[in-house]
C-alpha atoms as a PDB file:
ATOM      1  CA  MET A   1     105.443  70.160  75.887  1.00  0.00           C
ATOM      2  CA  VAL A   2     107.370  67.191  77.288  1.00  0.00           C
ATOM      3  CA  SER A   3     105.155  64.607  78.983  1.00  0.00           C
ATOM      4  CA  LEU A   4     106.462  63.634  82.413  1.00  0.00           C
ATOM      5  CA  SER A   5     105.515  60.880  84.811  1.00  0.00           C
ATOM      6  CA  PRO A   6     103.923  61.926  88.120  1.00  0.00           C
ATOM      7  CA  ARG A   7     107.050  60.847  90.005  1.00  0.00           C
ATOM      8  CA  THR A   8     109.330  62.948  87.767  1.00  0.00           C
ATOM      9  CA  SER A   9     107.014  65.930  88.036  1.00  0.00           C
ATOM     10  CA  LEU A  10     107.000  65.634  91.814  1.00  0.00           C
ATOM     11  CA  PHE A  11     110.802  65.455  91.917  1.00  0.00           C
ATOM     12  CA  LEU A  12     111.176  68.512  89.677  1.00  0.00           C
ATOM     13  CA  ALA A  13     108.699  70.466  91.796  1.00  0.00           C
ATOM     14  CA  TRP A  14     110.641  69.527  94.943  1.00  0.00           C
ATOM     15  CA  PHE A  15     113.952  70.349  93.272  1.00  0.00           C
ATOM     16  CA  THR A  16     112.735  73.755  92.124  1.00  0.00           C
ATOM     17  CA  ARG A  17     111.479  74.664  95.584  1.00  0.00           C
ATOM     18  CA  PHE A  18     114.508  73.544  97.575  1.00  0.00           C
ATOM     19  CA  ALA A  19     117.342  74.249  95.103  1.00  0.00           C
ATOM     20  CA  PRO A  20     118.066  77.714  96.608  1.00  0.00           C
ATOM     21  CA  LEU A  21     118.323  76.203 100.098  1.00  0.00           C
ATOM     22  CA  VAL A  22     120.637  73.440  98.883  1.00  0.00           C
ATOM     23  CA  LEU A  23     122.798  76.021  97.132  1.00  0.00           C
ATOM     24  CA  VAL A  24     123.133  78.212 100.228  1.00  0.00           C
ATOM     25  CA  LEU A  25     123.905  75.221 102.473  1.00  0.00           C
ATOM     26  CA  ALA A  26     126.574  73.994 100.055  1.00  0.00           C
ATOM     27  CA  ILE A  27     128.281  77.399 100.049  1.00  0.00           C
ATOM     28  CA  ALA A  28     128.095  77.640 103.843  1.00  0.00           C
ATOM     29  CA  LEU A  29     129.585  74.160 104.230  1.00  0.00           C
ATOM     30  CA  VAL A  30     132.478  74.814 101.855  1.00  0.00           C
ATOM     31  CA  TYR A  31     133.444  78.155 103.429  1.00  0.00           C
ATOM     32  CA  ALA A  32     132.666  77.340 107.068  1.00  0.00           C
ATOM     33  CA  ARG A  33     136.354  76.839 107.855  1.00  0.00           C
ATOM     34  CA  SER A  34     137.250  80.281 106.566  1.00  0.00           C
ATOM     35  CA  LEU A  35     135.559  82.264 109.348  1.00  0.00           C
ATOM     36  CA  HIS A  36     138.743  82.592 111.395  1.00  0.00           C
ATOM     37  CA  VAL A  37     141.263  83.318 108.642  1.00  0.00           C
ATOM     38  CA  PRO A  38     143.253  86.365 109.856  1.00  0.00           C
ATOM     39  CA  PHE A  39     143.523  89.698 108.050  1.00  0.00           C
ATOM     40  CA  ILE A  40     145.810  89.324 105.019  1.00  0.00           C
ATOM     41  CA  PHE A  41     147.091  91.407 102.107  1.00  0.00           C
ATOM     42  CA  ASP A  42     144.899  94.505 101.582  1.00  0.00           C
ATOM     43  CA  ASP A  43     142.726  93.757 104.629  1.00  0.00           C
ATOM     44  CA  ALA A  44     144.916  95.961 106.801  1.00  0.00           C
ATOM     45  CA  ASP A  45     144.194  99.085 104.731  1.00  0.00           C
ATOM     46  CA  ALA A  46     140.533  98.176 104.297  1.00  0.00           C
ATOM     47  CA  VAL A  47     139.824  97.545 107.977  1.00  0.00           C
ATOM     48  CA  GLN A  48     142.634  97.885 110.481  1.00  0.00           C
ATOM     49  CA  ARG A  49     144.013 101.214 109.245  1.00  0.00           C
ATOM     50  CA  ASN A  50     140.676 102.565 108.036  1.00  0.00           C
ATOM     51  CA  SER A  51     139.602 105.180 110.580  1.00  0.00           C
ATOM     52  CA  THR A  52     136.372 106.000 108.693  1.00  0.00           C
ATOM     53  CA  ILE A  53     134.649 102.749 109.729  1.00  0.00           C
ATOM     54  CA  ARG A  54     134.966 103.259 113.478  1.00  0.00           C
ATOM     55  CA  ARG A  55     131.527 104.879 113.992  1.00  0.00           C
ATOM     56  CA  LEU A  56     128.267 104.124 112.242  1.00  0.00           C
ATOM     57  CA  ASP A  57     126.793 107.495 113.167  1.00  0.00           C
ATOM     58  CA  ALA A  58     129.566 109.497 111.451  1.00  0.00           C
ATOM     59  CA  TRP A  59     129.409 110.847 107.903  1.00  0.00           C
ATOM     60  CA  ALA A  60     132.940 109.564 107.424  1.00  0.00           C
ATOM     61  CA  ILE A  61     131.635 106.106 106.542  1.00  0.00           C
ATOM     62  CA  ILE A  62     130.355 107.417 103.194  1.00  0.00           C
ATOM     63  CA  ASN A  63     133.626 109.244 102.567  1.00  0.00           C
ATOM     64  CA  PRO A  64     136.334 106.548 102.673  1.00  0.00           C
ATOM     65  CA  PRO A  65     140.046 107.432 102.514  1.00  0.00           C
ATOM     66  CA  ALA A  66     141.064 108.928  99.150  1.00  0.00           C
ATOM     67  CA  ASP A  67     144.419 107.164  99.130  1.00  0.00           C
ATOM     68  CA  GLY A  68     143.790 104.642  96.364  1.00  0.00           C
ATOM     69  CA  SER A  69     143.245 101.811  98.838  1.00  0.00           C
ATOM     70  CA  THR A  70     140.495  99.185  98.730  1.00  0.00           C
ATOM     71  CA  THR A  71     137.639 101.459  99.814  1.00  0.00           C
ATOM     72  CA  THR A  72     138.591 104.629  97.910  1.00  0.00           C
ATOM     73  CA  GLY A  73     135.568 105.829  95.916  1.00  0.00           C
ATOM     74  CA  ARG A  74     133.548 102.848  97.144  1.00  0.00           C
ATOM     75  CA  PRO A  75     131.258 104.066  99.932  1.00  0.00           C
ATOM     76  CA  VAL A  76     128.983 101.015  99.870  1.00  0.00           C
ATOM     77  CA  VAL A  77     131.939  98.741 100.629  1.00  0.00           C
ATOM     78  CA  ASN A  78     133.092 101.115 103.356  1.00  0.00           C
ATOM     79  CA  ILE A  79     129.647 101.069 104.966  1.00  0.00           C
ATOM     80  CA  SER A  80     129.665  97.269 104.967  1.00  0.00           C
ATOM     81  CA  PHE A  81     133.022  97.274 106.777  1.00  0.00           C
ATOM     82  CA  ALA A  82     131.623  99.789 109.277  1.00  0.00           C
ATOM     83  CA  LEU A  83     128.748  97.421 110.019  1.00  0.00           C
ATOM     84  CA  ASN A  84     131.221  94.606 110.630  1.00  0.00           C
ATOM     85  CA  TYR A  85     133.351  96.814 112.863  1.00  0.00           C
ATOM     86  CA  ALA A  86     130.302  97.786 114.913  1.00  0.00           C
ATOM     87  CA  LEU A  87     129.452  94.112 115.331  1.00  0.00           C
ATOM     88  CA  SER A  88     132.822  92.537 116.083  1.00  0.00           C
ATOM     89  CA  GLY A  89     135.526  95.204 116.048  1.00  0.00           C
ATOM     90  CA  GLU A  90     138.648  93.653 114.535  1.00  0.00           C
ATOM     91  CA  ASP A  91     137.501  90.105 115.229  1.00  0.00           C
ATOM     92  CA  VAL A  92     137.478  88.586 111.740  1.00  0.00           C
ATOM     93  CA  TRP A  93     134.502  86.219 112.009  1.00  0.00           C
ATOM     94  CA  SER A  94     131.798  88.755 111.108  1.00  0.00           C
ATOM     95  CA  TYR A  95     133.776  90.030 108.106  1.00  0.00           C
ATOM     96  CA  HIS A  96     134.128  86.529 106.711  1.00  0.00           C
ATOM     97  CA  ALA A  97     130.518  85.648 107.497  1.00  0.00           C
ATOM     98  CA  LEU A  98     129.300  88.647 105.534  1.00  0.00           C
ATOM     99  CA  ASN A  99     131.599  87.794 102.623  1.00  0.00           C
ATOM    100  CA  VAL A 100     130.141  84.291 102.491  1.00  0.00           C
ATOM    101  CA  ALA A 101     126.598  85.686 102.728  1.00  0.00           C
ATOM    102  CA  ILE A 102     127.257  88.091  99.840  1.00  0.00           C
ATOM    103  CA  HIS A 103     128.621  85.227  97.751  1.00  0.00           C
ATOM    104  CA  ALA A 104     125.511  83.181  98.525  1.00  0.00           C
ATOM    105  CA  LEU A 105     123.242  86.077  97.524  1.00  0.00           C
ATOM    106  CA  ALA A 106     125.146  86.454  94.256  1.00  0.00           C
ATOM    107  CA  ALA A 107     124.673  82.744  93.599  1.00  0.00           C
ATOM    108  CA  LEU A 108     120.920  83.057  94.224  1.00  0.00           C
ATOM    109  CA  ALA A 109     120.731  86.039  91.855  1.00  0.00           C
ATOM    110  CA  LEU A 110     122.577  84.039  89.204  1.00  0.00           C
ATOM    111  CA  LEU A 111     120.243  81.084  89.775  1.00  0.00           C
ATOM    112  CA  GLY A 112     117.167  83.235  89.204  1.00  0.00           C
ATOM    113  CA  LEU A 113     118.748  84.884  86.178  1.00  0.00           C
ATOM    114  CA  LEU A 114     119.662  81.567  84.543  1.00  0.00           C
ATOM    115  CA  ARG A 115     116.233  80.091  85.190  1.00  0.00           C
ATOM    116  CA  ARG A 116     114.469  82.977  83.475  1.00  0.00           C
ATOM    117  CA  THR A 117     117.004  83.119  80.665  1.00  0.00           C
ATOM    118  CA  LEU A 118     116.585  79.430  79.867  1.00  0.00           C
ATOM    119  CA  VAL A 119     112.814  79.804  79.854  1.00  0.00           C
ATOM    120  CA  ALA A 120     113.139  82.794  77.510  1.00  0.00           C
ATOM    121  CA  LEU A 121     115.230  80.660  75.165  1.00  0.00           C
ATOM    122  CA  ASP A 122     112.659  77.863  75.021  1.00  0.00           C
ATOM    123  CA  PRO A 123     109.361  78.334  76.895  1.00  0.00           C
ATOM    124  CA  LEU A 124     108.279  74.805  75.945  1.00  0.00           C
ATOM    125  CA  ALA A 125     111.161  73.381  77.941  1.00  0.00           C
ATOM    126  CA  ALA A 126     110.323  75.340  81.061  1.00  0.00           C
ATOM    127  CA  THR A 127     110.260  72.151  83.150  1.00  0.00           C
ATOM    128  CA  PHE A 128     114.003  71.554  83.047  1.00  0.00           C
ATOM    129  CA  PRO A 129     115.725  74.971  83.428  1.00  0.00           C
ATOM    130  CA  PRO A 130     115.636  74.808  87.275  1.00  0.00           C
ATOM    131  CA  VAL A 131     117.742  71.641  87.233  1.00  0.00           C
ATOM    132  CA  LEU A 132     120.230  72.889  84.659  1.00  0.00           C
ATOM    133  CA  ALA A 133     120.483  76.325  86.241  1.00  0.00           C
ATOM    134  CA  THR A 134     121.112  74.853  89.694  1.00  0.00           C
ATOM    135  CA  LEU A 135     123.913  72.610  88.438  1.00  0.00           C
ATOM    136  CA  VAL A 136     125.578  75.509  86.617  1.00  0.00           C
ATOM    137  CA  VAL A 137     125.374  77.782  89.660  1.00  0.00           C
ATOM    138  CA  LEU A 138     126.737  75.073  91.959  1.00  0.00           C
ATOM    139  CA  VAL A 139     129.816  74.778  89.757  1.00  0.00           C
ATOM    140  CA  TRP A 140     130.188  78.562  89.669  1.00  0.00           C
ATOM    141  CA  ALA A 141     129.672  79.091  93.406  1.00  0.00           C
ATOM    142  CA  LEU A 142     131.928  76.259  94.604  1.00  0.00           C
ATOM    143  CA  HIS A 143     134.707  76.585  92.034  1.00  0.00           C
ATOM    144  CA  PRO A 144     138.127  77.234  93.632  1.00  0.00           C
ATOM    145  CA  LEU A 145     138.505  80.345  91.494  1.00  0.00           C
ATOM    146  CA  GLN A 146     136.082  82.012  93.910  1.00  0.00           C
ATOM    147  CA  THR A 147     138.301  81.287  96.904  1.00  0.00           C
ATOM    148  CA  GLU A 148     140.240  84.541  97.028  1.00  0.00           C
ATOM    149  CA  THR A 149     137.159  86.688  96.462  1.00  0.00           C
ATOM    150  CA  VAL A 150     135.313  85.087  99.366  1.00  0.00           C
ATOM    151  CA  ILE A 151     138.119  84.562 101.873  1.00  0.00           C
ATOM    152  CA  CYS A 152     140.135  87.744 101.420  1.00  0.00           C
ATOM    153  CA  ILE A 153     138.102  90.368 103.291  1.00  0.00           C
ATOM    154  CA  ALA A 154     139.243  93.251 101.091  1.00  0.00           C
ATOM    155  CA  GLN A 155     137.997  91.379  98.032  1.00  0.00           C
ATOM    156  CA  ARG A 156     134.465  92.114  99.192  1.00  0.00           C
ATOM    157  CA  THR A 157     134.628  94.808  96.522  1.00  0.00           C
ATOM    158  CA  GLU A 158     134.518  92.038  93.905  1.00  0.00           C
ATOM    159  CA  ALA A 159     131.863  89.939  95.633  1.00  0.00           C
ATOM    160  CA  LEU A 160     129.545  92.836  96.418  1.00  0.00           C
ATOM    161  CA  CYS A 161     129.862  94.373  92.972  1.00  0.00           C
ATOM    162  CA  GLY A 162     129.242  90.942  91.461  1.00  0.00           C
ATOM    163  CA  PHE A 163     126.055  90.606  93.477  1.00  0.00           C
ATOM    164  CA  PHE A 164     124.688  93.996  92.394  1.00  0.00           C
ATOM    165  CA  TYR A 165     125.683  93.287  88.797  1.00  0.00           C
ATOM    166  CA  LEU A 166     123.836  89.966  88.762  1.00  0.00           C
ATOM    167  CA  PHE A 167     120.870  91.376  90.673  1.00  0.00           C
ATOM    168  CA  THR A 168     120.566  94.227  88.163  1.00  0.00           C
ATOM    169  CA  LEU A 169     120.244  91.635  85.399  1.00  0.00           C
ATOM    170  CA  TYR A 170     117.941  89.393  87.448  1.00  0.00           C
ATOM    171  CA  ALA A 171     115.552  92.232  88.291  1.00  0.00           C
ATOM    172  CA  PHE A 172     115.434  93.207  84.624  1.00  0.00           C
ATOM    173  CA  ALA A 173     114.787  89.617  83.511  1.00  0.00           C
ATOM    174  CA  ARG A 174     112.003  89.341  86.076  1.00  0.00           C
ATOM    175  CA  ALA A 175     110.489  92.633  84.916  1.00  0.00           C
ATOM    176  CA  CYS A 176     110.245  91.248  81.386  1.00  0.00           C
ATOM    177  CA  ALA A 177     108.229  88.282  82.630  1.00  0.00           C
ATOM    178  CA  GLU A 178     105.870  90.100  85.016  1.00  0.00           C
ATOM    179  CA  PRO A 179     102.556  91.944  84.398  1.00  0.00           C
ATOM    180  CA  ASN A 180     102.739  95.696  83.786  1.00  0.00           C
ATOM    181  CA  CYS A 181     102.509  96.859  87.401  1.00  0.00           C
ATOM    182  CA  ASP A 182     105.053  94.370  88.718  1.00  0.00           C
ATOM    183  CA  SER A 183     107.188  94.951  85.645  1.00  0.00           C
ATOM    184  CA  ARG A 184     107.616  98.637  86.499  1.00  0.00           C
ATOM    185  CA  ARG A 185     108.484  97.774  90.072  1.00  0.00           C
ATOM    186  CA  TRP A 186     111.227  95.355  89.024  1.00  0.00           C
ATOM    187  CA  LEU A 187     112.625  97.857  86.530  1.00  0.00           C
ATOM    188  CA  VAL A 188     112.944 100.369  89.375  1.00  0.00           C
ATOM    189  CA  ILE A 189     114.670  97.712  91.478  1.00  0.00           C
ATOM    190  CA  SER A 190     117.064  96.998  88.604  1.00  0.00           C
ATOM    191  CA  VAL A 191     118.032 100.677  88.352  1.00  0.00           C
ATOM    192  CA  ALA A 192     118.456 100.896  92.141  1.00  0.00           C
ATOM    193  CA  ALA A 193     120.746  97.846  92.168  1.00  0.00           C
ATOM    194  CA  CYS A 194     122.797  99.337  89.355  1.00  0.00           C
ATOM    195  CA  LEU A 195     123.101 102.655  91.202  1.00  0.00           C
ATOM    196  CA  ILE A 196     124.298 100.976  94.402  1.00  0.00           C
ATOM    197  CA  GLY A 197     126.704  98.871  92.370  1.00  0.00           C
ATOM    198  CA  MET A 198     128.259 102.021  90.904  1.00  0.00           C
ATOM    199  CA  ALA A 199     129.208 103.001  94.474  1.00  0.00           C
ATOM    200  CA  THR A 200     130.660  99.546  95.081  1.00  0.00           C
ATOM    201  CA  LYS A 201     133.257  99.047  92.346  1.00  0.00           C
ATOM    202  CA  GLU A 202     134.065 100.695  89.050  1.00  0.00           C
ATOM    203  CA  VAL A 203     133.599  97.604  86.870  1.00  0.00           C
ATOM    204  CA  MET A 204     129.867  98.161  87.373  1.00  0.00           C
ATOM    205  CA  ALA A 205     130.251 100.756  84.605  1.00  0.00           C
ATOM    206  CA  THR A 206     129.541  98.064  82.013  1.00  0.00           C
ATOM    207  CA  ALA A 207     126.237  96.948  83.584  1.00  0.00           C
ATOM    208  CA  PRO A 208     123.880  99.282  81.635  1.00  0.00           C
ATOM    209  CA  LEU A 209     125.389  98.107  78.347  1.00  0.00           C
ATOM    210  CA  VAL A 210     125.195  94.452  79.346  1.00  0.00           C
ATOM    211  CA  VAL A 211     121.528  94.850  80.286  1.00  0.00           C
ATOM    212  CA  LEU A 212     120.851  96.353  76.856  1.00  0.00           C
ATOM    213  CA  LEU A 213     122.668  93.487  75.117  1.00  0.00           C
ATOM    214  CA  TYR A 214     120.784  90.964  77.282  1.00  0.00           C
ATOM    215  CA  ASP A 215     117.460  92.592  76.392  1.00  0.00           C
ATOM    216  CA  ARG A 216     118.277  92.618  72.689  1.00  0.00           C
ATOM    217  CA  THR A 217     119.329  88.952  72.750  1.00  0.00           C
ATOM    218  CA  PHE A 218     116.600  87.336  74.850  1.00  0.00           C
ATOM    219  CA  PHE A 219     113.564  89.616  74.911  1.00  0.00           C
ATOM    220  CA  ALA A 220     113.329  92.575  72.529  1.00  0.00           C
ATOM    221  CA  ARG A 221     115.306  90.802  69.761  1.00  0.00           C
ATOM    222  CA  SER A 222     116.626  94.126  68.419  1.00  0.00           C
ATOM    223  CA  PHE A 223     118.194  97.299  69.798  1.00  0.00           C
ATOM    224  CA  ALA A 224     115.455  99.411  68.242  1.00  0.00           C
ATOM    225  CA  ALA A 225     112.728  97.364  69.919  1.00  0.00           C
ATOM    226  CA  ALA A 226     114.532  97.458  73.266  1.00  0.00           C
ATOM    227  CA  TRP A 227     114.803 101.254  73.104  1.00  0.00           C
ATOM    228  CA  ARG A 228     111.213 101.665  71.953  1.00  0.00           C
ATOM    229  CA  GLN A 229     109.757  99.433  74.677  1.00  0.00           C
ATOM    230  CA  ARG A 230     111.896 100.596  77.623  1.00  0.00           C
ATOM    231  CA  ARG A 231     113.285 104.015  76.737  1.00  0.00           C
ATOM    232  CA  GLY A 232     112.730 105.491  80.206  1.00  0.00           C
ATOM    233  CA  PHE A 233     114.388 102.523  81.878  1.00  0.00           C
ATOM    234  CA  TYR A 234     117.546 102.829  79.792  1.00  0.00           C
ATOM    235  CA  VAL A 235     117.767 106.570  80.385  1.00  0.00           C
ATOM    236  CA  ALA A 236     117.558 105.935  84.148  1.00  0.00           C
ATOM    237  CA  LEU A 237     120.085 103.118  83.893  1.00  0.00           C
ATOM    238  CA  ALA A 238     122.535 105.332  82.003  1.00  0.00           C
ATOM    239  CA  ALA A 239     122.053 108.071  84.600  1.00  0.00           C
ATOM    240  CA  THR A 240     123.673 105.810  87.200  1.00  0.00           C
ATOM    241  CA  TRP A 241     126.985 106.523  85.432  1.00  0.00           C
ATOM    242  CA  LEU A 242     126.823 110.036  86.884  1.00  0.00           C
ATOM    243  CA  LEU A 243     127.376 108.674  90.381  1.00  0.00           C
ATOM    244  CA  LEU A 244     130.384 106.678  89.220  1.00  0.00           C
ATOM    245  CA  VAL A 245     131.885 109.706  87.465  1.00  0.00           C
ATOM    246  CA  TYR A 246     131.346 111.804  90.604  1.00  0.00           C
ATOM    247  CA  LEU A 247     133.055 109.230  92.840  1.00  0.00           C
ATOM    248  CA  VAL A 248     136.023 108.938  90.499  1.00  0.00           C
ATOM    249  CA  LEU A 249     136.457 112.704  90.151  1.00  0.00           C
ATOM    250  CA  GLN A 250     135.963 113.229  93.888  1.00  0.00           C
ATOM    251  CA  ASN A 251     139.021 111.057  94.506  1.00  0.00           C
ATOM    252  CA  SER A 252     141.182 112.767  91.880  1.00  0.00           C
ATOM    253  CA  GLY A 253     140.807 109.881  89.474  1.00  0.00           C
ATOM    254  CA  SER A 254     142.668 107.462  91.764  1.00  0.00           C
ATOM    255  CA  ARG A 255     140.144 104.782  90.780  1.00  0.00           C
ATOM    256  CA  GLY A 256     139.808 105.886  87.165  1.00  0.00           C
ATOM    257  CA  LEU A 257     141.901 103.109  85.679  1.00  0.00           C
ATOM    258  CA  ALA A 258     139.540 100.425  86.967  1.00  0.00           C
ATOM    259  CA  ALA A 259     136.614 101.961  85.129  1.00  0.00           C
ATOM    260  CA  GLY A 260     138.534 102.821  81.983  1.00  0.00           C
ATOM    261  CA  PHE A 261     138.860 106.572  82.583  1.00  0.00           C
ATOM    262  CA  LEU A 262     142.643 106.335  82.334  1.00  0.00           C
ATOM    263  CA  ALA A 263     142.726 103.691  79.624  1.00  0.00           C
ATOM    264  CA  GLU A 264     145.307 105.738  77.755  1.00  0.00           C
ATOM    265  CA  LEU A 265     147.917 104.595  80.270  1.00  0.00           C
ATOM    266  CA  ALA A 266     147.140 100.980  79.408  1.00  0.00           C
ATOM    267  CA  HIS A 267     147.406 101.718  75.689  1.00  0.00           C
ATOM    268  CA  ARG A 268     150.828 103.274  76.204  1.00  0.00           C
ATOM    269  CA  ALA A 269     152.023 100.268  78.175  1.00  0.00           C
ATOM    270  CA  VAL A 270     150.855  97.932  75.405  1.00  0.00           C
ATOM    271  CA  ASP A 271     152.562 100.093  72.789  1.00  0.00           C
ATOM    272  CA  ARG A 272     155.847  99.928  74.674  1.00  0.00           C
ATOM    273  CA  PHE A 273     155.548  96.157  75.034  1.00  0.00           C
ATOM    274  CA  LEU A 274     154.788  95.687  71.331  1.00  0.00           C
ATOM    275  CA  ALA A 275     157.692  97.949  70.436  1.00  0.00           C
ATOM    276  CA  ARG A 276     159.983  95.707  72.423  1.00  0.00           C
ATOM    277  CA  LEU A 277     158.657  92.679  70.548  1.00  0.00           C
ATOM    278  CA  ASP A 278     159.303  94.390  67.210  1.00  0.00           C
ATOM    279  CA  SER A 279     162.862  95.253  68.173  1.00  0.00           C
ATOM    280  CA  SER A 280     163.792  91.852  69.558  1.00  0.00           C
ATOM    281  CA  GLY A 281     161.721  89.471  67.457  1.00  0.00           C
ATOM    282  CA  SER A 282     159.079  87.577  69.402  1.00  0.00           C
ATOM    283  CA  HIS A 283     160.293  84.216  68.104  1.00  0.00           C
ATOM    284  CA  ARG A 284     163.719  84.837  69.645  1.00  0.00           C
ATOM    285  CA  ASP A 285     162.674  86.499  72.892  1.00  0.00           C
ATOM    286  CA  PRO A 286     162.730  83.853  75.696  1.00  0.00           C
ATOM    287  CA  HIS A 287     160.683  86.222  77.867  1.00  0.00           C
ATOM    288  CA  VAL A 288     157.781  86.088  75.384  1.00  0.00           C
ATOM    289  CA  VAL A 289     158.110  82.321  75.063  1.00  0.00           C
ATOM    290  CA  ASP A 290     157.953  82.038  78.861  1.00  0.00           C
ATOM    291  CA  GLN A 291     154.783  84.116  79.011  1.00  0.00           C
ATOM    292  CA  VAL A 292     153.044  82.059  76.350  1.00  0.00           C
ATOM    293  CA  ALA A 293     153.858  78.885  78.255  1.00  0.00           C
ATOM    294  CA  VAL A 294     152.707  80.386  81.556  1.00  0.00           C
ATOM    295  CA  LEU A 295     149.432  81.590  80.067  1.00  0.00           C
ATOM    296  CA  SER A 296     148.709  78.187  78.537  1.00  0.00           C
ATOM    297  CA  ASP A 297     149.539  76.343  81.737  1.00  0.00           C
ATOM    298  CA  HIS A 298     147.543  78.647  83.988  1.00  0.00           C
ATOM    299  CA  GLN A 299     144.400  78.592  81.855  1.00  0.00           C
ATOM    300  CA  LYS A 300     143.855  74.925  82.663  1.00  0.00           C
ATOM    301  CA  PRO A 301     142.815  75.366  86.334  1.00  0.00           C
ATOM    302  CA  THR A 302     140.147  77.871  85.301  1.00  0.00           C
ATOM    303  CA  VAL A 303     138.304  74.873  83.847  1.00  0.00           C
ATOM    304  CA  ILE A 304     139.645  71.930  85.832  1.00  0.00           C
ATOM    305  CA  PRO A 305     141.028  72.846  89.280  1.00  0.00           C
ATOM    306  CA  ALA A 306     144.174  70.903  90.150  1.00  0.00           C
ATOM    307  CA  ARG A 307     147.060  70.951  92.567  1.00  0.00           C
ATOM    308  CA  ASP A 308     150.640  70.966  91.355  1.00  0.00           C
ATOM    309  CA  ASP A 309     153.629  69.281  92.976  1.00  0.00           C
ATOM    310  CA  GLU A 310     153.829  72.014  95.600  1.00  0.00           C
ATOM    311  CA  ARG A 311     150.238  71.337  96.656  1.00  0.00           C
ATOM    312  CA  ARG A 312     148.817  74.742  95.857  1.00  0.00           C
ATOM    313  CA  VAL A 313     145.788  75.747  93.840  1.00  0.00           C
ATOM    314  CA  VAL A 314     146.337  78.186  90.987  1.00  0.00           C
ATOM    315  CA  LEU A 315     144.080  81.208  91.439  1.00  0.00           C
ATOM    316  CA  PHE A 316     142.642  83.570  88.869  1.00  0.00           C
ATOM    317  CA  ASP A 317     145.202  86.270  89.644  1.00  0.00           C
ATOM    318  CA  GLU A 318     147.847  84.014  88.139  1.00  0.00           C
ATOM    319  CA  VAL A 319     146.048  84.021  84.815  1.00  0.00           C
ATOM    320  CA  VAL A 320     145.846  87.798  84.911  1.00  0.00           C
ATOM    321  CA  CYS A 321     149.466  88.202  85.954  1.00  0.00           C
ATOM    322  CA  SER A 322     150.610  85.884  83.175  1.00  0.00           C
ATOM    323  CA  LEU A 323     149.386  88.516  80.716  1.00  0.00           C
ATOM    324  CA  LEU A 324     151.660  91.160  82.173  1.00  0.00           C
ATOM    325  CA  PRO A 325     155.231  91.872  81.018  1.00  0.00           C
ATOM    326  CA  VAL A 326     156.910  90.182  83.988  1.00  0.00           C
ATOM    327  CA  ARG A 327     159.141  87.164  84.018  1.00  0.00           C
ATOM    328  CA  THR A 328     157.812  83.851  85.281  1.00  0.00           C
ATOM    329  CA  THR A 329     160.157  83.966  88.268  1.00  0.00           C
ATOM    330  CA  LYS A 330     158.544  87.219  89.404  1.00  0.00           C
ATOM    331  CA  LEU A 331     155.116  85.759  88.705  1.00  0.00           C
ATOM    332  CA  ALA A 332     155.823  82.764  90.913  1.00  0.00           C
ATOM    333  CA  ALA A 333     157.042  85.043  93.693  1.00  0.00           C
ATOM    334  CA  HIS A 334     153.839  87.087  93.369  1.00  0.00           C
ATOM    335  CA  VAL A 335     151.328  84.241  93.512  1.00  0.00           C
ATOM    336  CA  ARG A 336     153.042  81.911  95.955  1.00  0.00           C
ATOM    337  CA  PRO A 337     151.764  83.682  99.104  1.00  0.00           C
ATOM    338  CA  LYS A 338     148.181  83.408  97.877  1.00  0.00           C
ATOM    339  CA  ALA A 339     148.384  79.650  98.246  1.00  0.00           C
ATOM    340  CA  VAL A 340     147.999  80.274 101.981  1.00  0.00           C
ATOM    341  CA  LEU A 341     144.343  81.196 101.367  1.00  0.00           C
ATOM    342  CA  VAL A 342     143.520  77.855  99.816  1.00  0.00           C
ATOM    343  CA  ASP A 343     145.459  75.832 102.352  1.00  0.00           C
ATOM    344  CA  LEU A 344     143.708  77.631 105.192  1.00  0.00           C
ATOM    345  CA  LEU A 345     140.379  76.786 103.589  1.00  0.00           C
ATOM    346  CA  LEU A 346     141.242  73.175 102.949  1.00  0.00           C
ATOM    347  CA  GLY A 347     142.919  72.687 106.315  1.00  0.00           C
ATOM    348  CA  GLN A 348     146.300  71.697 104.883  1.00  0.00           C
ATOM    349  CA  ARG A 349     149.796  73.024 105.341  1.00  0.00           C
ATOM    350  CA  LEU A 350     152.233  74.247 102.765  1.00  0.00           C
ATOM    351  CA  PRO A 351     155.463  72.254 102.521  1.00  0.00           C
END
């Protein structure tokens, strides 16, 4: 155990107690100017043209439009929009406030998860994980890559699913560190968070597997031990997939691609793209050369945010789009409007 001076111990105790408050205040300060950003992009389908969120006392709120829009197959997200509509109608402030609050909750879940993970890695160094975890979460929560998820109202699907994903892991990590009675309670909470997440966005499908990998890496130390110690928990966790399958099938598979149910379509697209490379020769195809350059250039802001000559911040969507078989001119046309989000947040104007 590291020997610390009384002053250092006092500082660490203060830091551990108030770190969550500092984190929440930092997030609120950064996104305070976003509360009056108007509806943009998919917000119109998610809110303005979504008739199922008009009344909280109607069953329609748990049966969002099956048109492949933002809320299709995602009743939890639809309910959250209904709560906002009941509070402020189409006035955007409550929608943005809830987005910021969800992001703050996700950051707190990540903070708790990192603290317990670092302690699991080295119990003797348990004094310092709060400091390291807080610094890591501050970078994650305030990084410009989060801008679109927080400011674009329709992207609540990402933020809310991210929160339930992280909270599923946090509740499990806490269960592993608690006495038997509390341990069972936190395992139940972990399953409940996973279940709600399945009704939030389809990427939650990977959560049960990630929990198993996390358990094997930091606690059980083997898959066999994880299964032997928490068999009932993993059966319950896997059962949450049934809700996701039901929601996807209920909407005729319109959300299947996001969860991998229609992955065959992606494989076919890749096959066609590779066939084109084989026929043209990748070393001679300027389109492929362009994409490689775009991908390399757009990976940089994911680590070090920067503005280019046009004073816009490159968002994560650009990295994703750079992987697609589209020319860089089309890519630029696609991502340029999203610069408005960042400039609204930072209070600057586009040239």
